[in-house]
PDB file of N, CA and C in Angstrom:
ATOM      1  N   MET A   1     -24.712  -3.985 -26.503  1.00  0.00           N
ATOM      2  CA  MET A   1     -24.864  -5.212 -25.740  1.00  0.00           C
ATOM      3  C   MET A   1     -24.769  -4.944 -24.246  1.00  0.00           C
ATOM      4  N   GLY A   2     -25.272  -3.836 -23.802  1.00  0.00           N
ATOM      5  CA  GLY A   2     -25.224  -3.498 -22.389  1.00  0.00           C
ATOM      6  C   GLY A   2     -26.191  -4.326 -21.571  1.00  0.00           C
ATOM      7  N   ILE A   3     -26.173  -4.090 -20.305  1.00  0.00           N
ATOM      8  CA  ILE A   3     -27.076  -4.787 -19.389  1.00  0.00           C
ATOM      9  C   ILE A   3     -28.403  -4.046 -19.378  1.00  0.00           C
ATOM     10  N   SER A   4     -29.466  -4.776 -19.645  1.00  0.00           N
ATOM     11  CA  SER A   4     -30.780  -4.137 -19.643  1.00  0.00           C
ATOM     12  C   SER A   4     -31.275  -3.968 -18.207  1.00  0.00           C
ATOM     13  N   VAL A   5     -32.308  -3.151 -18.066  1.00  0.00           N
ATOM     14  CA  VAL A   5     -32.852  -2.866 -16.734  1.00  0.00           C
ATOM     15  C   VAL A   5     -33.446  -4.127 -16.118  1.00  0.00           C
ATOM     16  N   THR A   6     -34.113  -4.948 -16.926  1.00  0.00           N
ATOM     17  CA  THR A   6     -34.731  -6.162 -16.375  1.00  0.00           C
ATOM     18  C   THR A   6     -33.666  -7.144 -15.879  1.00  0.00           C
ATOM     19  N   LYS A   7     -32.569  -7.276 -16.621  1.00  0.00           N
ATOM     20  CA  LYS A   7     -31.496  -8.166 -16.174  1.00  0.00           C
ATOM     21  C   LYS A   7     -30.869  -7.652 -14.889  1.00  0.00           C
ATOM     22  N   LEU A   8     -30.716  -6.338 -14.794  1.00  0.00           N
ATOM     23  CA  LEU A   8     -30.148  -5.745 -13.590  1.00  0.00           C
ATOM     24  C   LEU A   8     -31.061  -5.975 -12.387  1.00  0.00           C
ATOM     25  N   LEU A   9     -32.359  -5.838 -12.578  1.00  0.00           N
ATOM     26  CA  LEU A   9     -33.310  -6.079 -11.487  1.00  0.00           C
ATOM     27  C   LEU A   9     -33.314  -7.547 -11.058  1.00  0.00           C
ATOM     28  N   ILE A  10     -33.189  -8.455 -12.015  1.00  0.00           N
ATOM     29  CA  ILE A  10     -33.144  -9.877 -11.673  1.00  0.00           C
ATOM     30  C   ILE A  10     -31.904 -10.186 -10.851  1.00  0.00           C
ATOM     31  N   VAL A  11     -30.768  -9.655 -11.260  1.00  0.00           N
ATOM     32  CA  VAL A  11     -29.524  -9.873 -10.508  1.00  0.00           C
ATOM     33  C   VAL A  11     -29.637  -9.273  -9.114  1.00  0.00           C
ATOM     34  N   LEU A  12     -30.214  -8.073  -9.006  1.00  0.00           N
ATOM     35  CA  LEU A  12     -30.396  -7.434  -7.709  1.00  0.00           C
ATOM     36  C   LEU A  12     -31.302  -8.258  -6.806  1.00  0.00           C
ATOM     37  N   ALA A  13     -32.366  -8.823  -7.358  1.00  0.00           N
ATOM     38  CA  ALA A  13     -33.276  -9.666  -6.571  1.00  0.00           C
ATOM     39  C   ALA A  13     -32.571 -10.923  -6.082  1.00  0.00           C
ATOM     40  N   ILE A  14     -31.753 -11.533  -6.933  1.00  0.00           N
ATOM     41  CA  ILE A  14     -31.023 -12.739  -6.525  1.00  0.00           C
ATOM     42  C   ILE A  14     -30.031 -12.414  -5.417  1.00  0.00           C
ATOM     43  N   VAL A  15     -29.331 -11.289  -5.541  1.00  0.00           N
ATOM     44  CA  VAL A  15     -28.376 -10.878  -4.507  1.00  0.00           C
ATOM     45  C   VAL A  15     -29.106 -10.593  -3.198  1.00  0.00           C
ATOM     46  N   LEU A  16     -30.268  -9.965  -3.283  1.00  0.00           N
ATOM     47  CA  LEU A  16     -31.060  -9.668  -2.087  1.00  0.00           C
ATOM     48  C   LEU A  16     -31.504 -10.946  -1.396  1.00  0.00           C
ATOM     49  N   VAL A  17     -31.927 -11.936  -2.148  1.00  0.00           N
ATOM     50  CA  VAL A  17     -32.338 -13.210  -1.563  1.00  0.00           C
ATOM     51  C   VAL A  17     -31.131 -13.940  -0.975  1.00  0.00           C
ATOM     52  N   PHE A  18     -30.021 -13.898  -1.674  1.00  0.00           N
ATOM     53  CA  PHE A  18     -28.827 -14.623  -1.231  1.00  0.00           C
ATOM     54  C   PHE A  18     -28.236 -14.033   0.045  1.00  0.00           C
ATOM     55  N   PHE A  19     -28.086 -12.706   0.098  1.00  0.00           N
ATOM     56  CA  PHE A  19     -27.445 -12.070   1.248  1.00  0.00           C
ATOM     57  C   PHE A  19     -28.432 -11.582   2.302  1.00  0.00           C
ATOM     58  N   GLY A  20     -29.595 -11.158   1.918  1.00  0.00           N
ATOM     59  CA  GLY A  20     -30.559 -10.609   2.863  1.00  0.00           C
ATOM     60  C   GLY A  20     -30.395  -9.104   2.991  1.00  0.00           C
ATOM     61  N   GLY A  21     -31.455  -8.440   3.405  1.00  0.00           N
ATOM     62  CA  GLY A  21     -31.464  -6.985   3.476  1.00  0.00           C
ATOM     63  C   GLY A  21     -30.501  -6.406   4.500  1.00  0.00           C
ATOM     64  N   GLN A  22     -30.460  -6.990   5.681  1.00  0.00           N
ATOM     65  CA  GLN A  22     -29.600  -6.461   6.750  1.00  0.00           C
ATOM     66  C   GLN A  22     -28.127  -6.584   6.382  1.00  0.00           C
ATOM     67  N   ARG A  23     -27.761  -7.709   5.819  1.00  0.00           N
ATOM     68  CA  ARG A  23     -26.357  -7.910   5.453  1.00  0.00           C
ATOM     69  C   ARG A  23     -25.937  -6.970   4.324  1.00  0.00           C
ATOM     70  N   LEU A  24     -26.854  -6.699   3.382  1.00  0.00           N
ATOM     71  CA  LEU A  24     -26.546  -5.756   2.306  1.00  0.00           C
ATOM     72  C   LEU A  24     -26.353  -4.352   2.856  1.00  0.00           C
ATOM     73  N   ARG A  25     -27.165  -3.956   3.831  1.00  0.00           N
ATOM     74  CA  ARG A  25     -26.997  -2.635   4.455  1.00  0.00           C
ATOM     75  C   ARG A  25     -25.639  -2.545   5.148  1.00  0.00           C
ATOM     76  N   ASN A  26     -25.267  -3.609   5.842  1.00  0.00           N
ATOM     77  CA  ASN A  26     -23.957  -3.622   6.514  1.00  0.00           C
ATOM     78  C   ASN A  26     -22.820  -3.538   5.501  1.00  0.00           C
ATOM     79  N   MET A  27     -22.955  -4.276   4.399  1.00  0.00           N
ATOM     80  CA  MET A  27     -21.921  -4.231   3.360  1.00  0.00           C
ATOM     81  C   MET A  27     -21.821  -2.829   2.763  1.00  0.00           C
ATOM     82  N   GLY A  28     -22.962  -2.192   2.545  1.00  0.00           N
ATOM     83  CA  GLY A  28     -22.966  -0.848   1.984  1.00  0.00           C
ATOM     84  C   GLY A  28     -22.309   0.163   2.906  1.00  0.00           C
ATOM     85  N   SER A  29     -22.630   0.086   4.187  1.00  0.00           N
ATOM     86  CA  SER A  29     -22.027   1.033   5.130  1.00  0.00           C
ATOM     87  C   SER A  29     -20.535   0.759   5.301  1.00  0.00           C
ATOM     88  N   ASP A  30     -20.144  -0.512   5.302  1.00  0.00           N
ATOM     89  CA  ASP A  30     -18.718  -0.847   5.398  1.00  0.00           C
ATOM     90  C   ASP A  30     -17.962  -0.353   4.169  1.00  0.00           C
ATOM     91  N   LEU A  31     -18.567  -0.512   3.002  1.00  0.00           N
ATOM     92  CA  LEU A  31     -17.934  -0.051   1.772  1.00  0.00           C
ATOM     93  C   LEU A  31     -17.814   1.471   1.765  1.00  0.00           C
ATOM     94  N   GLY A  32     -18.851   2.149   2.226  1.00  0.00           N
ATOM     95  CA  GLY A  32     -18.813   3.609   2.298  1.00  0.00           C
ATOM     96  C   GLY A  32     -17.737   4.116   3.243  1.00  0.00           C
ATOM     97  N   SER A  33     -17.608   3.497   4.400  1.00  0.00           N
ATOM     98  CA  SER A  33     -16.580   3.936   5.345  1.00  0.00           C
ATOM     99  C   SER A  33     -15.180   3.601   4.826  1.00  0.00           C
ATOM    100  N   ALA A  34     -15.042   2.496   4.100  1.00  0.00           N
ATOM    101  CA  ALA A  34     -13.740   2.153   3.522  1.00  0.00           C
ATOM    102  C   ALA A  34     -13.334   3.182   2.469  1.00  0.00           C
ATOM    103  N   ILE A  35     -14.279   3.602   1.648  1.00  0.00           N
ATOM    104  CA  ILE A  35     -13.989   4.611   0.627  1.00  0.00           C
ATOM    105  C   ILE A  35     -13.638   5.938   1.281  1.00  0.00           C
ATOM    106  N   LYS A  36     -14.355   6.289   2.342  1.00  0.00           N
ATOM    107  CA  LYS A  36     -14.078   7.537   3.060  1.00  0.00           C
ATOM    108  C   LYS A  36     -12.672   7.507   3.663  1.00  0.00           C
ATOM    109  N   ASN A  37     -12.294   6.402   4.279  1.00  0.00           N
ATOM    110  CA  ASN A  37     -10.959   6.277   4.855  1.00  0.00           C
ATOM    111  C   ASN A  37      -9.876   6.310   3.776  1.00  0.00           C
ATOM    112  N   PHE A  38     -10.152   5.686   2.632  1.00  0.00           N
ATOM    113  CA  PHE A  38      -9.187   5.679   1.533  1.00  0.00           C
ATOM    114  C   PHE A  38      -8.968   7.091   1.000  1.00  0.00           C
ATOM    115  N   ARG A  39     -10.044   7.837   0.812  1.00  0.00           N
ATOM    116  CA  ARG A  39      -9.924   9.221   0.347  1.00  0.00           C
ATOM    117  C   ARG A  39      -9.165  10.079   1.357  1.00  0.00           C
ATOM    118  N   GLY A  40      -9.435   9.869   2.654  1.00  0.00           N
ATOM    119  CA  GLY A  40      -8.718  10.612   3.686  1.00  0.00           C
ATOM    120  C   GLY A  40      -7.232  10.313   3.672  1.00  0.00           C
ATOM    121  N   ALA A  41      -6.886   9.038   3.461  1.00  0.00           N
ATOM    122  CA  ALA A  41      -5.476   8.665   3.412  1.00  0.00           C
ATOM    123  C   ALA A  41      -4.798   9.263   2.184  1.00  0.00           C
ATOM    124  N   LEU A  42      -5.504   9.295   1.058  1.00  0.00           N
ATOM    125  CA  LEU A  42      -4.938   9.915  -0.146  1.00  0.00           C
ATOM    126  C   LEU A  42      -4.698  11.400   0.069  1.00  0.00           C
ATOM    127  N   LYS A  43      -5.663  12.056   0.690  1.00  0.00           N
ATOM    128  CA  LYS A  43      -5.534  13.491   0.945  1.00  0.00           C
ATOM    129  C   LYS A  43      -4.372  13.758   1.898  1.00  0.00           C
ATOM    130  N   GLU A  44      -4.256  12.936   2.927  1.00  0.00           N
ATOM    131  CA  GLU A  44      -3.165  13.082   3.892  1.00  0.00           C
ATOM    132  C   GLU A  44      -1.820  12.854   3.220  1.00  0.00           C
ATOM    133  N   GLY A  45      -1.749  11.872   2.325  1.00  0.00           N
ATOM    134  CA  GLY A  45      -0.514  11.597   1.602  1.00  0.00           C
ATOM    135  C   GLY A  45      -0.135  12.750   0.686  1.00  0.00           C
ATOM    136  N   GLU A  46      -1.120  13.363   0.055  1.00  0.00           N
ATOM    137  CA  GLU A  46      -0.843  14.511  -0.812  1.00  0.00           C
ATOM    138  C   GLU A  46      -0.341  15.697   0.003  1.00  0.00           C
ATOM    139  N   GLU A  47      -0.905  15.899   1.188  1.00  0.00           N
ATOM    140  CA  GLU A  47      -0.457  16.995   2.047  1.00  0.00           C
ATOM    141  C   GLU A  47       0.974  16.765   2.509  1.00  0.00           C
ATOM    142  N   ASP A  48       1.298  15.528   2.872  1.00  0.00           N
ATOM    143  CA  ASP A  48       2.662  15.206   3.286  1.00  0.00           C
ATOM    144  C   ASP A  48       3.644  15.410   2.132  1.00  0.00           C
ATOM    145  N   GLU A  49       3.227  14.989   0.952  1.00  0.00           N
ATOM    146  CA  GLU A  49       4.095  15.122  -0.218  1.00  0.00           C
ATOM    147  C   GLU A  49       4.327  16.586  -0.572  1.00  0.00           C
ATOM    148  N   SER A  50       3.289  17.405  -0.483  1.00  0.00           N
ATOM    149  CA  SER A  50       3.467  18.818  -0.807  1.00  0.00           C
ATOM    150  C   SER A  50       4.347  19.504   0.235  1.00  0.00           C
ATOM    151  N   ALA A  51       4.270  19.068   1.493  1.00  0.00           N
ATOM    152  CA  ALA A  51       5.122  19.633   2.532  1.00  0.00           C
ATOM    153  C   ALA A  51       6.581  19.255   2.285  1.00  0.00           C
ATOM    154  N   GLU A  52       6.812  18.032   1.827  1.00  0.00           N
ATOM    155  CA  GLU A  52       8.175  17.598   1.529  1.00  0.00           C
ATOM    156  C   GLU A  52       8.727  18.341   0.317  1.00  0.00           C
ATOM    157  N   ASN A  53       7.892  18.613  -0.648  1.00  0.00           N
ATOM    158  CA  ASN A  53       8.343  19.327  -1.846  1.00  0.00           C
ATOM    159  C   ASN A  53       8.717  20.769  -1.532  1.00  0.00           C
ATOM    160  N   LYS A  54       8.114  21.335  -0.515  1.00  0.00           N
ATOM    161  CA  LYS A  54       8.431  22.707  -0.117  1.00  0.00           C
ATOM    162  C   LYS A  54       9.665  22.759   0.776  1.00  0.00           C
ATOM    163  N   GLY A  55      10.199  21.604   1.153  1.00  0.00           N
ATOM    164  CA  GLY A  55      11.367  21.563   2.014  1.00  0.00           C
ATOM    165  C   GLY A  55      11.007  21.693   3.478  1.00  0.00           C
ATOM    166  N   GLU A  56       9.776  21.394   3.804  1.00  0.00           N
ATOM    167  CA  GLU A  56       9.328  21.488   5.188  1.00  0.00           C
ATOM    168  C   GLU A  56       9.033  20.099   5.714  1.00  0.00           C
ATOM    169  N   ASP A  57       9.167  19.956   6.988  1.00  0.00           N
ATOM    170  CA  ASP A  57       8.804  18.729   7.660  1.00  0.00           C
ATOM    171  C   ASP A  57       7.298  18.751   7.871  1.00  0.00           C
ATOM    172  N   ILE A  58       6.730  17.640   8.247  1.00  0.00           N
ATOM    173  CA  ILE A  58       5.296  17.579   8.499  1.00  0.00           C
ATOM    174  C   ILE A  58       4.917  18.521   9.638  1.00  0.00           C
ATOM    175  N   GLY A  59       5.774  18.692  10.605  1.00  0.00           N
ATOM    176  CA  GLY A  59       5.518  19.587  11.723  1.00  0.00           C
ATOM    177  C   GLY A  59       5.694  21.049  11.360  1.00  0.00           C
ATOM    178  N   GLY A  60       6.155  21.354  10.178  1.00  0.00           N
ATOM    179  CA  GLY A  60       6.315  22.729   9.751  1.00  0.00           C
ATOM    180  C   GLY A  60       7.733  23.247   9.832  1.00  0.00           C
ATOM    181  N   GLU A  61       8.656  22.450  10.348  1.00  0.00           N
ATOM    182  CA  GLU A  61      10.045  22.870  10.451  1.00  0.00           C
ATOM    183  C   GLU A  61      10.745  22.589   9.133  1.00  0.00           C
ATOM    184  N   GLU A  62      11.672  23.449   8.763  1.00  0.00           N
ATOM    185  CA  GLU A  62      12.381  23.261   7.506  1.00  0.00           C
ATOM    186  C   GLU A  62      13.444  22.196   7.642  1.00  0.00           C
ATOM    187  N   LYS A  63      13.620  21.458   6.560  1.00  0.00           N
ATOM    188  CA  LYS A  63      14.656  20.426   6.516  1.00  0.00           C
ATOM    189  C   LYS A  63      15.944  21.063   6.014  1.00  0.00           C
ATOM    190  N   SER A  64      17.042  20.509   6.452  1.00  0.00           N
ATOM    191  CA  SER A  64      18.326  20.962   5.893  1.00  0.00           C
ATOM    192  C   SER A  64      18.673  19.992   4.777  1.00  0.00           C
ATOM    193  N   ARG A  65      18.784  20.508   3.566  1.00  0.00           N
ATOM    194  CA  ARG A  65      19.068  19.669   2.398  1.00  0.00           C
ATOM    195  C   ARG A  65      20.518  19.824   1.995  1.00  0.00           C
ATOM    196  N   LYS A  66      21.095  18.724   1.604  1.00  0.00           N
ATOM    197  CA  LYS A  66      22.445  18.742   1.055  1.00  0.00           C
ATOM    198  C   LYS A  66      22.314  18.583  -0.442  1.00  0.00           C
ATOM    199  N   GLU A  67      22.642  19.588  -1.183  1.00  0.00           N
ATOM    200  CA  GLU A  67      22.534  19.525  -2.633  1.00  0.00           C
ATOM    201  C   GLU A  67      23.879  19.641  -3.285  1.00  0.00           C
TER     202      GLU A  67
END
């Protein structure tokens, strides 16, 4: 019961008429930049987390831990 190609094309045509070509291009570029920023933030968070797990500060200096 998936979406057929003709139904998908009809929905795409309705969206194109409703929003217009220029606005869809803007939405696409905004969505692409949002995804790029999200991936960058995830990567940065993973780098910070791995630095903390090694006992290092983000600047590369070691932390003094009380265990």
